[in-house]
Protein backbone atom coordinates (compact mmCIF):
# COMPACT_ATOMS: atom_id res chain seq x y z
CA MET A 1 3.49 -31.14 2.11
CA ILE A 2 1.94 -31.61 -1.26
CA SER A 3 3.45 -34.69 -2.96
CA PRO A 4 1.95 -37.40 -0.64
CA PHE A 5 -1.57 -35.99 -1.14
CA PHE A 6 -1.45 -35.76 -4.93
CA VAL A 7 0.35 -39.07 -5.45
CA GLY A 8 -2.24 -40.69 -3.32
CA LEU A 9 -4.95 -39.16 -5.66
CA VAL A 10 -3.15 -40.65 -8.67
CA ALA A 11 -3.02 -44.00 -7.06
CA ASP A 12 -6.77 -43.90 -6.29
CA ARG A 13 -7.69 -43.04 -9.94
CA PHE A 14 -5.04 -44.15 -12.51
CA PHE A 15 -2.24 -46.49 -11.44
CA ALA A 16 -1.73 -49.46 -9.03
CA ALA A 17 -0.30 -48.20 -5.80
CA GLN A 18 2.61 -50.73 -5.74
CA LYS A 19 3.84 -49.79 -9.18
CA ILE A 20 3.82 -46.06 -8.23
CA MET A 21 5.83 -46.92 -5.09
CA ALA A 22 8.26 -49.00 -7.06
CA VAL A 23 9.08 -46.17 -9.53
CA LEU A 24 9.39 -43.62 -6.71
CA HIS A 25 11.80 -45.76 -4.79
CA ILE A 26 14.05 -46.64 -7.77
CA ILE A 27 14.29 -43.01 -8.92
CA GLY A 28 14.88 -41.95 -5.30
CA GLY A 29 17.71 -44.49 -4.90
CA LEU A 30 19.46 -43.07 -7.99
CA LEU A 31 19.12 -39.55 -6.75
CA LEU A 32 20.65 -40.49 -3.39
CA TYR A 33 23.64 -42.04 -5.15
CA PHE A 34 24.19 -39.19 -7.49
CA ALA A 35 23.85 -36.69 -4.63
CA THR A 36 27.14 -37.95 -3.18
CA GLN A 37 28.86 -37.16 -6.48
CA ILE A 38 27.85 -33.44 -6.29
CA SER A 39 30.30 -30.93 -4.83
CA ASP A 40 28.11 -27.80 -5.16
CA ASN A 41 26.07 -27.27 -2.05
CA THR A 42 23.14 -25.64 -3.84
CA ALA A 43 22.75 -28.54 -6.34
CA PHE A 44 23.13 -30.99 -3.49
CA TYR A 45 20.36 -29.22 -1.62
CA TRP A 46 17.89 -29.32 -4.52
CA MET A 47 18.78 -32.93 -5.25
CA ILE A 48 17.70 -33.81 -1.68
CA VAL A 49 14.52 -31.72 -2.01
CA LEU A 50 13.63 -33.73 -5.10
CA TYR A 51 14.34 -36.92 -3.34
CA SER A 52 12.19 -35.93 -0.43
CA LEU A 53 9.32 -35.10 -2.78
CA LEU A 54 9.57 -38.63 -4.21
CA TYR A 55 10.00 -40.39 -0.88
CA MET A 56 7.21 -38.85 1.24
CA PRO A 57 4.34 -40.35 -0.73
CA THR A 58 5.66 -43.83 -0.25
CA ILE A 59 4.69 -43.72 3.45
CA ALA A 60 1.03 -43.31 2.61
CA LEU A 61 1.21 -45.68 -0.36
CA SER A 62 2.78 -48.48 1.74
CA ASN A 63 0.00 -48.03 4.29
CA SER A 64 -2.64 -48.22 1.54
CA ILE A 65 -1.13 -51.39 0.05
CA ALA A 66 -1.06 -53.00 3.45
CA PHE A 67 -4.68 -52.00 4.49
CA GLN A 68 -6.20 -53.22 1.13
CA GLN A 69 -4.81 -56.69 1.74
CA MET A 70 -6.16 -57.01 5.26
CA THR A 71 -9.40 -58.33 6.56
CA ASP A 72 -9.03 -56.86 10.04
CA PRO A 73 -6.58 -53.84 9.90
CA GLY A 74 -7.10 -53.08 13.62
CA ARG A 75 -5.43 -56.41 14.46
CA GLN A 76 -3.26 -57.00 11.45
CA PHE A 77 -1.65 -53.59 10.54
CA PRO A 78 0.52 -53.33 13.68
CA TRP A 79 2.14 -56.64 12.98
CA ILE A 80 3.25 -55.37 9.55
CA ARG A 81 4.19 -51.80 10.68
CA VAL A 82 6.54 -53.18 13.41
CA PHE A 83 8.93 -54.25 10.69
CA GLY A 84 9.41 -50.60 9.75
CA THR A 85 10.59 -49.88 13.18
CA LEU A 86 12.87 -52.91 13.15
CA GLY A 87 14.36 -51.60 9.98
CA TRP A 88 14.99 -48.24 11.67
CA ILE A 89 16.79 -50.02 14.55
CA VAL A 90 18.96 -52.08 12.13
CA ALA A 91 19.92 -48.85 10.20
CA GLY A 92 20.85 -47.18 13.43
CA PHE A 93 23.04 -50.00 14.65
CA MET A 94 24.66 -50.37 11.22
CA ILE A 95 25.59 -46.67 10.99
CA GLY A 96 26.84 -46.59 14.51
CA ASN A 97 28.89 -49.85 14.43
CA LEU A 98 30.38 -49.16 10.96
CA GLY A 99 31.29 -45.60 11.94
CA ILE A 100 29.87 -44.05 8.84
CA GLU A 101 27.55 -41.40 10.47
CA LYS A 102 29.44 -38.50 8.94
CA THR A 103 30.49 -40.07 5.57
CA PRO A 104 28.74 -40.42 2.16
CA SER A 105 28.41 -44.17 2.97
CA THR A 106 25.10 -43.33 4.77
CA PHE A 107 23.70 -42.11 1.45
CA HIS A 108 25.12 -45.20 -0.37
CA MET A 109 23.48 -47.51 2.14
CA ALA A 110 20.21 -45.67 1.75
CA ALA A 111 20.43 -45.77 -2.05
CA ILE A 112 20.92 -49.46 -2.15
CA ALA A 113 17.97 -50.07 0.23
CA SER A 114 15.84 -47.77 -1.88
CA LEU A 115 16.70 -49.59 -5.11
CA VAL A 116 16.07 -53.03 -3.51
CA LEU A 117 12.64 -51.78 -2.04
CA GLY A 118 11.74 -50.38 -5.43
CA LEU A 119 12.24 -53.71 -7.18
CA LEU A 120 10.56 -55.61 -4.35
CA SER A 121 7.52 -53.25 -4.81
CA PHE A 122 6.82 -54.70 -8.19
CA ILE A 123 5.96 -58.07 -6.69
CA LEU A 124 3.86 -56.77 -3.88
CA PRO A 125 0.21 -57.71 -3.95
CA ASP A 126 -1.72 -55.85 -6.67
CA THR A 127 -3.48 -52.77 -5.39
CA PRO A 128 -5.37 -51.41 -8.41
CA PRO A 129 -7.05 -47.97 -8.42
CA LYS A 130 -10.58 -48.08 -7.00
CA GLY A 131 -12.12 -44.84 -8.22
CA LYS A 132 -10.90 -44.15 -11.74
CA THR A 133 -14.26 -44.86 -13.38
CA GLU A 134 -16.41 -42.74 -11.16
CA GLY A 135 -16.65 -39.32 -9.78
CA ALA A 136 -16.38 -35.76 -11.24
CA ALA A 137 -13.26 -34.33 -12.67
CA SER A 138 -12.93 -32.05 -9.66
CA SER A 139 -12.17 -35.12 -7.43
CA ALA A 140 -8.74 -35.34 -9.15
CA ILE A 141 -7.68 -32.22 -7.35
CA GLY A 142 -8.67 -33.51 -3.88
CA SER A 143 -12.34 -33.27 -3.33
CA ASP A 144 -12.58 -37.07 -2.72
CA ALA A 145 -10.27 -36.87 0.42
CA PHE A 146 -11.72 -33.68 1.60
CA VAL A 147 -15.09 -35.52 2.09
CA LEU A 148 -13.54 -36.83 5.28
CA PHE A 149 -13.85 -33.27 6.70
CA LYS A 150 -17.55 -33.64 6.69
CA ASP A 151 -17.17 -36.02 9.68
CA SER A 152 -16.64 -33.62 12.53
CA SER A 153 -14.71 -36.16 14.61
CA TYR A 154 -12.18 -36.69 11.87
CA LEU A 155 -11.78 -32.93 11.38
CA ILE A 156 -10.96 -32.50 15.17
CA PHE A 157 -8.55 -35.40 14.85
CA PHE A 158 -6.99 -33.91 11.78
CA ILE A 159 -6.26 -30.61 13.53
CA ALA A 160 -4.94 -32.42 16.50
CA ALA A 161 -2.50 -34.39 14.32
CA ILE A 162 -1.09 -31.16 13.03
CA LEU A 163 -0.75 -29.75 16.57
CA VAL A 164 0.97 -32.90 17.94
CA CYS A 165 3.64 -32.66 15.16
CA ILE A 166 4.98 -29.54 16.99
CA PRO A 167 6.11 -31.45 20.03
CA LEU A 168 7.29 -34.28 17.71
CA SER A 169 9.59 -31.74 15.88
CA PHE A 170 11.26 -30.82 19.11
CA TYR A 171 12.22 -34.47 19.74
CA PHE A 172 13.34 -35.21 16.26
CA GLY A 173 15.35 -31.91 15.97
CA PHE A 174 16.91 -31.48 19.42
CA ALA A 175 16.75 -34.67 21.61
CA ASN A 176 20.15 -35.94 20.42
CA LEU A 177 21.78 -32.50 20.95
CA PHE A 178 20.24 -32.25 24.34
CA LEU A 179 21.40 -35.67 25.57
CA ASN A 180 24.93 -35.03 24.23
CA GLU A 181 25.09 -31.61 26.00
CA VAL A 182 23.91 -33.00 29.39
CA GLY A 183 26.69 -35.58 29.22
CA MET A 184 25.07 -38.86 28.18
CA ASN A 185 27.58 -41.17 26.51
CA ASN A 186 26.77 -42.56 23.09
CA ALA A 187 23.47 -40.64 23.01
CA ALA A 188 22.61 -41.81 19.53
CA GLY A 189 23.00 -45.44 20.57
CA LYS A 190 20.93 -44.86 23.68
CA MET A 191 18.11 -43.39 21.54
CA ILE A 192 17.66 -46.71 19.86
CA PHE A 193 15.85 -47.72 23.11
CA GLY A 194 13.12 -45.36 21.80
CA GLN A 195 12.79 -47.38 18.62
CA ILE A 196 12.79 -50.70 20.57
CA SER A 197 9.95 -49.23 22.72
CA GLU A 198 8.16 -48.29 19.50
CA ALA A 199 8.35 -51.87 18.23
CA VAL A 200 7.03 -53.25 21.52
CA PHE A 201 4.11 -50.89 21.83
CA ILE A 202 3.13 -51.41 18.09
CA LEU A 203 2.47 -55.02 19.08
CA VAL A 204 0.10 -53.82 21.85
CA ILE A 205 -2.10 -51.85 19.55
CA PRO A 206 -4.14 -54.84 18.21
CA PHE A 207 -5.28 -55.68 21.64
CA LEU A 208 -6.32 -52.10 22.47
CA PHE A 209 -7.57 -50.59 19.13
CA ASN A 210 -10.92 -52.40 19.25
CA SER A 211 -11.27 -52.75 23.08
CA ILE A 212 -10.59 -49.28 24.58
CA GLY A 213 -11.34 -47.31 21.33
CA VAL A 214 -9.55 -44.83 19.24
CA LYS A 215 -10.19 -41.82 21.53
CA LYS A 216 -8.53 -43.36 24.53
CA MET A 217 -5.51 -44.61 22.58
CA LEU A 218 -5.02 -41.16 21.10
CA LEU A 219 -5.33 -39.63 24.62
CA LEU A 220 -2.65 -42.01 25.95
CA GLY A 221 -0.35 -40.98 23.15
CA MET A 222 -0.80 -37.22 23.85
CA THR A 223 -0.30 -37.82 27.58
CA ALA A 224 2.91 -39.59 26.95
CA TRP A 225 4.16 -36.46 25.06
CA ILE A 226 3.51 -34.35 28.22
CA LEU A 227 5.33 -36.88 30.43
CA ARG A 228 8.31 -37.09 28.01
CA TYR A 229 9.08 -33.42 27.89
CA PHE A 230 8.71 -33.00 31.76
CA CYS A 231 11.13 -35.88 32.02
CA PHE A 232 13.60 -34.09 29.74
CA ALA A 233 13.05 -30.78 31.57
CA PHE A 234 13.85 -32.12 35.02
CA GLY A 235 16.25 -34.92 34.07
CA ASN A 236 19.99 -34.88 34.48
CA ILE A 237 22.92 -37.03 34.09
CA ASP A 238 23.35 -37.58 37.88
CA LEU A 239 20.39 -38.40 40.26
CA ASN A 240 17.67 -38.03 37.60
CA ILE A 241 19.30 -39.91 34.75
CA TRP A 242 16.29 -42.30 34.97
CA MET A 243 14.14 -39.40 33.69
CA LEU A 244 16.33 -39.11 30.62
CA TYR A 245 15.79 -42.79 29.83
CA ALA A 246 12.14 -42.52 30.54
CA GLY A 247 11.84 -39.70 28.09
CA ILE A 248 13.55 -41.78 25.47
CA ILE A 249 11.54 -44.98 26.12
CA LEU A 250 8.26 -43.12 26.06
CA HIS A 251 8.71 -42.61 22.32
CA GLY A 252 6.90 -45.95 21.83
CA ILE A 253 3.64 -44.65 23.27
CA CYS A 254 4.15 -41.18 21.93
CA TYR A 255 4.49 -42.33 18.40
CA ASP A 256 2.54 -45.46 18.17
CA PHE A 257 -0.63 -44.47 20.15
CA PHE A 258 -1.01 -41.38 18.10
CA PHE A 259 0.50 -41.71 14.61
CA VAL A 260 0.12 -45.49 14.00
CA THR A 261 -3.36 -45.39 15.44
CA GLY A 262 -4.05 -42.33 13.37
CA TYR A 263 -3.20 -44.16 10.11
CA MET A 264 -5.57 -46.90 11.24
CA TYR A 265 -8.35 -44.51 12.12
CA THR A 266 -7.97 -42.81 8.81
CA GLU A 267 -8.25 -46.12 7.00
CA LYS A 268 -11.36 -46.89 8.95
CA LYS A 269 -12.96 -43.58 8.07
CA ALA A 270 -12.09 -43.73 4.29
CA GLY A 271 -14.23 -45.34 1.70
CA GLU A 272 -12.83 -48.06 -0.61
CA LYS A 273 -12.32 -45.52 -3.41
CA ILE A 274 -10.29 -42.93 -1.48
CA LYS A 275 -8.10 -45.04 0.72
CA ASN A 276 -4.79 -43.84 -1.01
CA ALA A 277 -5.87 -40.26 -1.04
CA ALA A 278 -6.94 -40.56 2.71
CA GLN A 279 -3.56 -41.91 3.75
CA GLY A 280 -1.96 -39.22 1.68
CA LEU A 281 -4.15 -36.58 3.37
CA PHE A 282 -3.03 -37.80 6.87
CA THR A 283 0.61 -37.79 5.77
CA PHE A 284 0.00 -34.30 4.44
CA ALA A 285 -1.26 -33.29 7.80
CA THR A 286 1.54 -34.70 9.87
CA TYR A 287 4.80 -35.05 7.93
CA GLY A 288 3.85 -32.09 5.80
CA VAL A 289 2.00 -29.15 7.44
CA GLY A 290 2.62 -30.36 11.01
CA MET A 291 6.30 -30.96 10.69
CA PHE A 292 6.77 -27.73 8.59
CA ILE A 293 5.12 -25.67 11.46
CA GLY A 294 6.93 -27.71 14.12
CA THR A 295 10.44 -27.54 12.54
CA TRP A 296 10.18 -23.75 12.18
CA PHE A 297 8.76 -23.28 15.76
CA SER A 298 11.06 -25.63 17.48
CA GLY A 299 14.05 -23.93 15.86
CA PHE A 300 12.68 -20.56 16.88
CA THR A 301 12.11 -21.67 20.41
CA THR A 302 15.56 -23.18 20.79
CA ASP A 303 17.22 -20.03 19.36
CA TYR A 304 15.26 -17.88 21.81
CA TYR A 305 16.38 -19.80 24.82
CA THR A 306 20.00 -19.97 23.73
CA THR A 307 22.61 -17.47 24.89
CA LYS A 308 26.13 -17.59 23.60
CA ASN A 309 25.67 -21.15 22.45
CA ILE A 310 24.40 -22.25 25.93
CA HIS A 311 20.92 -23.74 25.83
CA ASN A 312 18.39 -23.34 28.64
CA TRP A 313 17.08 -26.83 28.07
CA GLN A 314 14.47 -26.75 30.82
CA SER A 315 12.79 -23.68 29.35
CA ILE A 316 13.00 -25.26 25.88
CA TRP A 317 11.33 -28.52 26.93
CA PHE A 318 8.59 -26.81 28.82
CA VAL A 319 7.31 -25.30 25.44
CA PRO A 320 6.43 -28.62 23.79
CA ALA A 321 5.01 -29.92 27.05
CA TYR A 322 2.63 -26.95 27.23
CA ILE A 323 1.61 -27.39 23.59
CA ALA A 324 0.93 -31.06 24.21
CA ILE A 325 -1.22 -30.19 27.28
CA GLY A 326 -3.16 -27.66 25.15
CA THR A 327 -3.69 -30.29 22.40
CA LEU A 328 -4.81 -32.79 25.02
CA LEU A 329 -7.41 -30.52 26.48
CA TYR A 330 -8.61 -29.52 22.96
CA PHE A 331 -9.06 -33.21 22.04
CA ILE A 332 -10.83 -34.16 25.23
CA LEU A 333 -13.31 -31.25 24.81
CA PHE A 334 -14.13 -31.54 21.14
CA PHE A 335 -13.46 -35.09 19.92
CA LYS A 336 -16.79 -36.99 20.11
CA GLU A 337 -16.38 -40.19 18.28
CA LYS A 338 -19.51 -42.39 18.12
CA VAL A 339 -18.95 -45.90 19.39
CA LYS A 340 -20.99 -48.51 17.63
CA SER A 341 -22.52 -51.02 19.96
CA ASN A 342 -21.92 -54.72 19.25
């Protein structure tokens, strides 16, 4: 929860973002490799925690580097972000086709990718700190980014982002288990369709971001979460198998229209001097606070509706669907973004 936010502040005030990202990825790659050499479970656990602390800030930093090189982020950013999804697809196919899902080779593959990415980061476009010469000392602990909360529309969005991560945690944590238990063959391979969907819908964002506006895009994303979980609740491997596939394919709208749009909206709201901290703040809300709450609550819910290792999946999927409905209603009622006339 904490590391993306504070690393973003450091990037805003002291060091170039691409250099920080390079160091984090190189150290992270070494940690992943050495983690496979450890036989003690406790030591392995803390090694992965340390790696996670180093990795999470790179999400916000990579966004900041991209945004600061763009003249029209609303149109240009999705064409860059889509390659992240393509990388996810490639990794999934490699792990599946090489048969290394349950071996240390997954860590070796990730370690190599992290080291290469760290070295590549050194030659990325220079993204120097914008605010190191101005501002009070208190800004170093976060007051710069908290300025965003003075904008009521962003505060409403920030809360909605945390809430949406609860349904997201259900999908990340239990969709694969659910699909395997209902009898879908090669469930992990089928879930790649969700990443393909994500890649396709990212490319749609540039045409919608400036035309229909942020609010409608975010509403479409939240509506897709509701549809996805009702598809999972009523889907089965027989007559309603199409609902299972629909729930997977809806991932593109679910993720892109809320989270990718959210990063772009955050960039739009932030001033030049707090772009890194602003991206860190959004990452803190989603992958930090939101996923922390969501992971705990999704695990609690799944345990509650499980009897003798038998999951009541329909009852489980109703819970994130209702949370998504509540978040949608909250957003409709309170989010009042001003639209500038041309």
